[in-house]
Structures are given as C-alpha cells and as structure tokens.
Amino acid sequence: MEALFWGCLIGGVLFAVVTVLLGDVLSGALDGMLDFLSVDFFKPVVLAAGVTVFGGTGIMLVKYTDLSSMPQVVISLLVAILLSIAVYFGYVRPMENSENSTGFSIQELAGRIGEVTIPLPAEGYGEVMVRVGAGNTLHIASSFDKTPLVAGVRVVVVEVADGVLRVSELEERKGDDYEHS
C-alpha cells in the first residue's frame, strides 16, 4: 500500500512541476485533447492536488499510525477530497471569475479623450491615439465639426461611425484639469 501512496505523491508533484514549467507548451501540443478533464469540479489542478494529498496523507498514516490498510486509504481519500474542494473553491473558482480581457469594442470609445497623431483635414481622415486600459490604441478618425485638426491637439470622441472615430477638439477651460481616460 505504501508504494501506491508514494506513486500518487511523486506523480502529483511531477504533474505540478511539468504543468508549471511546460504548461503552455503542452497545452499547444495537445491542442484541447484534455479538455474533457476541465469539466467544472474536475479541473486538472484540482485532480492533481487531490492525488498528491492522497499520497502524502497515506504515507504519513503508514509511517505514524498503526492503522491497517483500509482505514489508511479511507482517511487519505477523505482528506484528499476535502482539500480538493478547498482548492476548487479557494483558488480555481475565484480565478475563473477574475479573468480580465484587454479587448474592447470600438463603440466604447465614444466620450473618450485622445490626441491627434496624424493631422485630420476638414474633409478626410487622419489618426487619433486613445488611451484604453493600460495602453494606447490608434484609430482612423475624421473631424466631427469639419474643421482641420493638427497633430498634438487633444480631442474627444463624439461618435463612432463605420469604424471611424468622429472627433472634435477638446476645449479645456482654465482651472479644469482633464486626465487622459
């Protein structure tokens, strides 16, 4: 029985090390072949934690108690299940709910402040840089007011039409301190 416990402990630790070191490489190589393991509670990280804890608990019970094999297996299994539940609700589930995306819809840019990077003629197109999240994004733009706008002018996105930002010069009043949004 001790060999089973050692096998589970070593296998779980190796799985964790391989996942940390080669996770992205393996994910690309297997290209979704193991997705069936990612069904709700049966995530690979939860299963690996359970197998590792089962092995470790079993080894400790063999070494430090006089219990027979069956109680050792049952206790190890119960501890593994409890810890797997703790890993799922304490780590996996919160991480699934905290995913952030750097993606945005161009429609979300209406009302944002930007800066002209390529001059906008009265009729025609130029380019505007708008801050989105932690970075900047460049977009084709045209003058909403049909007035030319030179590079470096701060503008506000009035509307988005056909994938083009329609912008107007931002008129800052004295005392107002606008931040890039």
C-alpha atoms as a PDB file:
ATOM      1  CA  MET A   1       0.000   0.000   0.000  1.00  0.00           C
ATOM      2  CA  GLU A   2       2.910   2.309   0.742  1.00  0.00           C
ATOM      3  CA  ALA A   3       4.043   2.015  -2.900  1.00  0.00           C
ATOM      4  CA  LEU A   4       0.626   3.285  -4.065  1.00  0.00           C
ATOM      5  CA  PHE A   5       0.870   6.285  -1.738  1.00  0.00           C
ATOM      6  CA  TRP A   6       4.422   7.077  -2.879  1.00  0.00           C
ATOM      7  CA  GLY A   7       3.371   6.747  -6.520  1.00  0.00           C
ATOM      8  CA  CYS A   8       0.486   9.194  -6.022  1.00  0.00           C
ATOM      9  CA  LEU A   9       2.673  11.688  -4.156  1.00  0.00           C
ATOM     10  CA  ILE A  10       5.502  11.586  -6.704  1.00  0.00           C
ATOM     11  CA  GLY A  11       3.094  11.585  -9.653  1.00  0.00           C
ATOM     12  CA  GLY A  12       1.223  14.611  -8.273  1.00  0.00           C
ATOM     13  CA  VAL A  13       4.413  16.557  -7.624  1.00  0.00           C
ATOM     14  CA  LEU A  14       5.769  15.733 -11.089  1.00  0.00           C
ATOM     15  CA  PHE A  15       2.470  16.779 -12.664  1.00  0.00           C
ATOM     16  CA  ALA A  16       2.631  20.114 -10.824  1.00  0.00           C
ATOM     17  CA  VAL A  17       6.244  20.735 -11.873  1.00  0.00           C
ATOM     18  CA  VAL A  18       5.614  19.788 -15.502  1.00  0.00           C
ATOM     19  CA  THR A  19       2.470  21.929 -15.593  1.00  0.00           C
ATOM     20  CA  VAL A  20       4.279  24.970 -14.214  1.00  0.00           C
ATOM     21  CA  LEU A  21       7.342  24.587 -16.443  1.00  0.00           C
ATOM     22  CA  LEU A  22       5.779  23.279 -19.643  1.00  0.00           C
ATOM     23  CA  GLY A  23       2.084  24.172 -19.279  1.00  0.00           C
ATOM     24  CA  ASP A  24       1.829  26.430 -22.324  1.00  0.00           C
ATOM     25  CA  VAL A  25       3.963  24.134 -24.481  1.00  0.00           C
ATOM     26  CA  LEU A  26       1.893  21.070 -23.547  1.00  0.00           C
ATOM     27  CA  SER A  27      -1.350  22.979 -23.998  1.00  0.00           C
ATOM     28  CA  GLY A  28      -0.359  23.942 -27.538  1.00  0.00           C
ATOM     29  CA  ALA A  29       0.919  20.457 -28.376  1.00  0.00           C
ATOM     30  CA  LEU A  30      -2.166  18.670 -27.075  1.00  0.00           C
ATOM     31  CA  ASP A  31      -4.463  21.365 -28.528  1.00  0.00           C
ATOM     32  CA  GLY A  32      -7.532  20.626 -26.441  1.00  0.00           C
ATOM     33  CA  MET A  33      -7.149  16.835 -26.202  1.00  0.00           C
ATOM     34  CA  LEU A  34      -7.503  17.022 -22.417  1.00  0.00           C
ATOM     35  CA  ASP A  35     -10.390  19.489 -22.377  1.00  0.00           C
ATOM     36  CA  PHE A  36     -12.716  16.745 -21.193  1.00  0.00           C
ATOM     37  CA  LEU A  37     -10.873  16.918 -17.844  1.00  0.00           C
ATOM     38  CA  SER A  38     -11.872  20.543 -17.417  1.00  0.00           C
ATOM     39  CA  VAL A  39     -15.479  19.818 -16.560  1.00  0.00           C
ATOM     40  CA  ASP A  40     -16.470  22.105 -13.681  1.00  0.00           C
ATOM     41  CA  PHE A  41     -15.077  20.492 -10.488  1.00  0.00           C
ATOM     42  CA  PHE A  42     -12.726  18.069 -12.279  1.00  0.00           C
ATOM     43  CA  LYS A  43     -10.088  20.576 -13.307  1.00  0.00           C
ATOM     44  CA  PRO A  44      -6.579  19.130 -13.724  1.00  0.00           C
ATOM     45  CA  VAL A  45      -5.213  21.313 -10.920  1.00  0.00           C
ATOM     46  CA  VAL A  46      -7.895  20.027  -8.537  1.00  0.00           C
ATOM     47  CA  LEU A  47      -7.318  16.402  -9.526  1.00  0.00           C
ATOM     48  CA  ALA A  48      -3.548  16.772  -9.206  1.00  0.00           C
ATOM     49  CA  ALA A  49      -3.908  18.336  -5.763  1.00  0.00           C
ATOM     50  CA  GLY A  50      -6.218  15.507  -4.689  1.00  0.00           C
ATOM     51  CA  VAL A  51      -3.855  12.769  -5.911  1.00  0.00           C
ATOM     52  CA  THR A  52      -0.847  14.445  -4.285  1.00  0.00           C
ATOM     53  CA  VAL A  53      -2.627  14.913  -0.950  1.00  0.00           C
ATOM     54  CA  PHE A  54      -3.937  11.333  -1.090  1.00  0.00           C
ATOM     55  CA  GLY A  55      -0.367  10.063  -1.465  1.00  0.00           C
ATOM     56  CA  GLY A  56       1.117  12.351   1.171  1.00  0.00           C
ATOM     57  CA  THR A  57      -1.592  11.604   3.723  1.00  0.00           C
ATOM     58  CA  GLY A  58      -1.287   7.890   3.081  1.00  0.00           C
ATOM     59  CA  ILE A  59       2.491   7.962   3.603  1.00  0.00           C
ATOM     60  CA  MET A  60       2.079   9.843   6.884  1.00  0.00           C
ATOM     61  CA  LEU A  61      -0.588   7.402   8.089  1.00  0.00           C
ATOM     62  CA  VAL A  62       1.606   4.400   7.233  1.00  0.00           C
ATOM     63  CA  LYS A  63       4.601   5.917   8.988  1.00  0.00           C
ATOM     64  CA  TYR A  64       2.973   7.421  12.090  1.00  0.00           C
ATOM     65  CA  THR A  65      -0.064   5.227  12.875  1.00  0.00           C
ATOM     66  CA  ASP A  66      -0.797   1.573  13.468  1.00  0.00           C
ATOM     67  CA  LEU A  67      -3.923   1.590  11.275  1.00  0.00           C
ATOM     68  CA  SER A  68      -4.491  -1.204   8.792  1.00  0.00           C
ATOM     69  CA  SER A  69      -4.526  -0.564   5.026  1.00  0.00           C
ATOM     70  CA  MET A  70      -8.265   0.006   4.595  1.00  0.00           C
ATOM     71  CA  PRO A  71      -8.595   2.830   7.194  1.00  0.00           C
ATOM     72  CA  GLN A  72      -5.427   4.436   5.781  1.00  0.00           C
ATOM     73  CA  VAL A  73      -6.945   4.503   2.289  1.00  0.00           C
ATOM     74  CA  VAL A  74     -10.319   5.787   3.536  1.00  0.00           C
ATOM     75  CA  ILE A  75      -8.780   8.560   5.670  1.00  0.00           C
ATOM     76  CA  SER A  76      -6.379   9.536   2.856  1.00  0.00           C
ATOM     77  CA  LEU A  77      -9.262   9.642   0.399  1.00  0.00           C
ATOM     78  CA  LEU A  78     -11.391  11.816   2.709  1.00  0.00           C
ATOM     79  CA  VAL A  79      -8.513  14.258   3.318  1.00  0.00           C
ATOM     80  CA  ALA A  80      -7.814  14.391  -0.431  1.00  0.00           C
ATOM     81  CA  ILE A  81     -11.473  15.103  -1.220  1.00  0.00           C
ATOM     82  CA  LEU A  82     -11.678  17.839   1.427  1.00  0.00           C
ATOM     83  CA  LEU A  83      -8.502  19.517   0.225  1.00  0.00           C
ATOM     84  CA  SER A  84      -9.607  19.240  -3.418  1.00  0.00           C
ATOM     85  CA  ILE A  85     -12.850  21.008  -2.514  1.00  0.00           C
ATOM     86  CA  ALA A  86     -10.832  23.700  -0.720  1.00  0.00           C
ATOM     87  CA  VAL A  87      -8.555  24.133  -3.775  1.00  0.00           C
ATOM     88  CA  TYR A  88     -11.557  24.367  -6.096  1.00  0.00           C
ATOM     89  CA  PHE A  89     -13.485  26.930  -4.052  1.00  0.00           C
ATOM     90  CA  GLY A  90     -10.443  28.784  -2.734  1.00  0.00           C
ATOM     91  CA  TYR A  91      -8.383  29.028  -5.915  1.00  0.00           C
ATOM     92  CA  VAL A  92      -9.886  27.676  -9.152  1.00  0.00           C
ATOM     93  CA  ARG A  93     -13.352  29.190  -8.947  1.00  0.00           C
ATOM     94  CA  PRO A  94     -12.222  32.700  -7.911  1.00  0.00           C
ATOM     95  CA  MET A  95      -9.611  32.670 -10.705  1.00  0.00           C
ATOM     96  CA  GLU A  96     -12.254  31.746 -13.293  1.00  0.00           C
ATOM     97  CA  ASN A  97     -14.352  34.709 -12.188  1.00  0.00           C
ATOM     98  CA  SER A  98     -11.442  37.141 -12.269  1.00  0.00           C
ATOM     99  CA  GLU A  99     -10.424  36.845 -15.901  1.00  0.00           C
ATOM    100  CA  ASN A 100      -9.718  40.201 -17.461  1.00  0.00           C
ATOM    101  CA  SER A 101      -9.657  40.989 -21.097  1.00  0.00           C
ATOM    102  CA  THR A 102      -7.721  43.651 -22.913  1.00  0.00           C
ATOM    103  CA  GLY A 103     -10.289  43.521 -25.688  1.00  0.00           C
ATOM    104  CA  PHE A 104     -12.692  46.370 -26.217  1.00  0.00           C
ATOM    105  CA  SER A 105     -15.350  47.405 -28.642  1.00  0.00           C
ATOM    106  CA  ILE A 106     -14.667  50.450 -30.772  1.00  0.00           C
ATOM    107  CA  GLN A 107     -18.134  51.651 -29.769  1.00  0.00           C
ATOM    108  CA  GLU A 108     -16.844  52.012 -26.180  1.00  0.00           C
ATOM    109  CA  LEU A 109     -14.524  54.808 -27.309  1.00  0.00           C
ATOM    110  CA  ALA A 110     -17.326  57.386 -27.621  1.00  0.00           C
ATOM    111  CA  GLY A 111     -16.728  60.050 -24.984  1.00  0.00           C
ATOM    112  CA  ARG A 112     -13.041  59.207 -24.543  1.00  0.00           C
ATOM    113  CA  ILE A 113     -10.302  61.783 -24.808  1.00  0.00           C
ATOM    114  CA  GLY A 114      -7.490  61.276 -27.295  1.00  0.00           C
ATOM    115  CA  GLU A 115      -4.751  63.045 -29.181  1.00  0.00           C
ATOM    116  CA  VAL A 116      -4.369  63.596 -32.899  1.00  0.00           C
ATOM    117  CA  THR A 117      -1.289  61.758 -34.194  1.00  0.00           C
ATOM    118  CA  ILE A 118      -1.803  62.282 -37.939  1.00  0.00           C
ATOM    119  CA  PRO A 119      -3.499  65.604 -38.812  1.00  0.00           C
ATOM    120  CA  LEU A 120      -7.171  65.469 -39.709  1.00  0.00           C
ATOM    121  CA  PRO A 121      -8.259  67.589 -42.690  1.00  0.00           C
ATOM    122  CA  ALA A 122     -11.668  69.251 -42.716  1.00  0.00           C
ATOM    123  CA  GLU A 123     -12.847  66.532 -45.116  1.00  0.00           C
ATOM    124  CA  GLY A 124     -10.943  63.277 -44.923  1.00  0.00           C
ATOM    125  CA  TYR A 125      -9.175  61.071 -42.470  1.00  0.00           C
ATOM    126  CA  GLY A 126      -6.287  61.167 -40.040  1.00  0.00           C
ATOM    127  CA  GLU A 127      -5.338  59.224 -36.937  1.00  0.00           C
ATOM    128  CA  VAL A 128      -6.089  59.603 -33.232  1.00  0.00           C
ATOM    129  CA  MET A 129      -4.477  57.892 -30.238  1.00  0.00           C
ATOM    130  CA  VAL A 130      -6.878  56.981 -27.424  1.00  0.00           C
ATOM    131  CA  ARG A 131      -5.926  55.504 -24.056  1.00  0.00           C
ATOM    132  CA  VAL A 132      -7.689  52.185 -23.435  1.00  0.00           C
ATOM    133  CA  GLY A 133      -6.986  50.295 -20.236  1.00  0.00           C
ATOM    134  CA  ALA A 134      -3.255  50.266 -19.568  1.00  0.00           C
ATOM    135  CA  GLY A 135      -2.262  51.091 -23.133  1.00  0.00           C
ATOM    136  CA  ASN A 136      -2.908  53.322 -26.095  1.00  0.00           C
ATOM    137  CA  THR A 137      -4.659  52.435 -29.316  1.00  0.00           C
ATOM    138  CA  LEU A 138      -4.547  54.194 -32.679  1.00  0.00           C
ATOM    139  CA  HIS A 139      -7.653  54.635 -34.813  1.00  0.00           C
ATOM    140  CA  ILE A 140      -8.669  56.215 -38.091  1.00  0.00           C
ATOM    141  CA  ALA A 141     -10.528  59.414 -37.345  1.00  0.00           C
ATOM    142  CA  SER A 142     -12.318  62.279 -39.044  1.00  0.00           C
ATOM    143  CA  SER A 143     -13.295  65.739 -37.876  1.00  0.00           C
ATOM    144  CA  PHE A 144     -16.841  65.845 -36.493  1.00  0.00           C
ATOM    145  CA  ASP A 145     -17.009  69.640 -36.891  1.00  0.00           C
ATOM    146  CA  LYS A 146     -15.477  69.583 -40.403  1.00  0.00           C
ATOM    147  CA  THR A 147     -12.544  71.700 -39.190  1.00  0.00           C
ATOM    148  CA  PRO A 148      -8.908  70.692 -39.676  1.00  0.00           C
ATOM    149  CA  LEU A 149      -7.104  69.394 -36.586  1.00  0.00           C
ATOM    150  CA  VAL A 150      -3.303  69.409 -36.338  1.00  0.00           C
ATOM    151  CA  ALA A 151      -1.150  66.731 -34.707  1.00  0.00           C
ATOM    152  CA  GLY A 152      -0.905  67.031 -30.939  1.00  0.00           C
ATOM    153  CA  VAL A 153      -4.368  68.515 -30.425  1.00  0.00           C
ATOM    154  CA  ARG A 154      -6.439  66.875 -27.689  1.00  0.00           C
ATOM    155  CA  VAL A 155      -9.802  65.678 -28.940  1.00  0.00           C
ATOM    156  CA  VAL A 156     -12.902  63.994 -27.627  1.00  0.00           C
ATOM    157  CA  VAL A 157     -14.551  61.118 -29.489  1.00  0.00           C
ATOM    158  CA  VAL A 158     -18.063  62.333 -30.290  1.00  0.00           C
ATOM    159  CA  GLU A 159     -19.264  59.209 -32.095  1.00  0.00           C
ATOM    160  CA  VAL A 160     -18.116  56.100 -33.895  1.00  0.00           C
ATOM    161  CA  ALA A 161     -19.470  55.536 -37.395  1.00  0.00           C
ATOM    162  CA  ASP A 162     -18.417  52.791 -39.803  1.00  0.00           C
ATOM    163  CA  GLY A 163     -15.272  52.018 -37.781  1.00  0.00           C
ATOM    164  CA  VAL A 164     -14.113  55.650 -37.859  1.00  0.00           C
ATOM    165  CA  LEU A 165     -13.844  57.839 -34.785  1.00  0.00           C
ATOM    166  CA  ARG A 166     -15.572  61.165 -35.316  1.00  0.00           C
ATOM    167  CA  VAL A 167     -13.737  63.615 -33.073  1.00  0.00           C
ATOM    168  CA  SER A 168     -13.975  67.221 -32.020  1.00  0.00           C
ATOM    169  CA  GLU A 169     -11.303  69.450 -30.486  1.00  0.00           C
ATOM    170  CA  LEU A 170     -11.390  69.330 -26.703  1.00  0.00           C
ATOM    171  CA  GLU A 171     -11.941  72.809 -25.381  1.00  0.00           C
ATOM    172  CA  GLU A 172     -10.302  72.999 -21.976  1.00  0.00           C
ATOM    173  CA  ARG A 173     -11.391  75.772 -19.675  1.00  0.00           C
ATOM    174  CA  LYS A 174      -8.988  77.459 -17.296  1.00  0.00           C
ATOM    175  CA  GLY A 175      -8.932  75.666 -13.972  1.00  0.00           C
ATOM    176  CA  ASP A 176     -10.069  72.363 -15.479  1.00  0.00           C
ATOM    177  CA  ASP A 177      -7.506  69.610 -15.322  1.00  0.00           C
ATOM    178  CA  TYR A 178      -8.576  66.830 -17.635  1.00  0.00           C
ATOM    179  CA  GLU A 179      -6.924  63.464 -17.245  1.00  0.00           C
ATOM    180  CA  HIS A 180      -6.454  61.063 -20.149  1.00  0.00           C
ATOM    181  CA  SER A 181      -9.194  58.479 -19.744  1.00  0.00           C
END
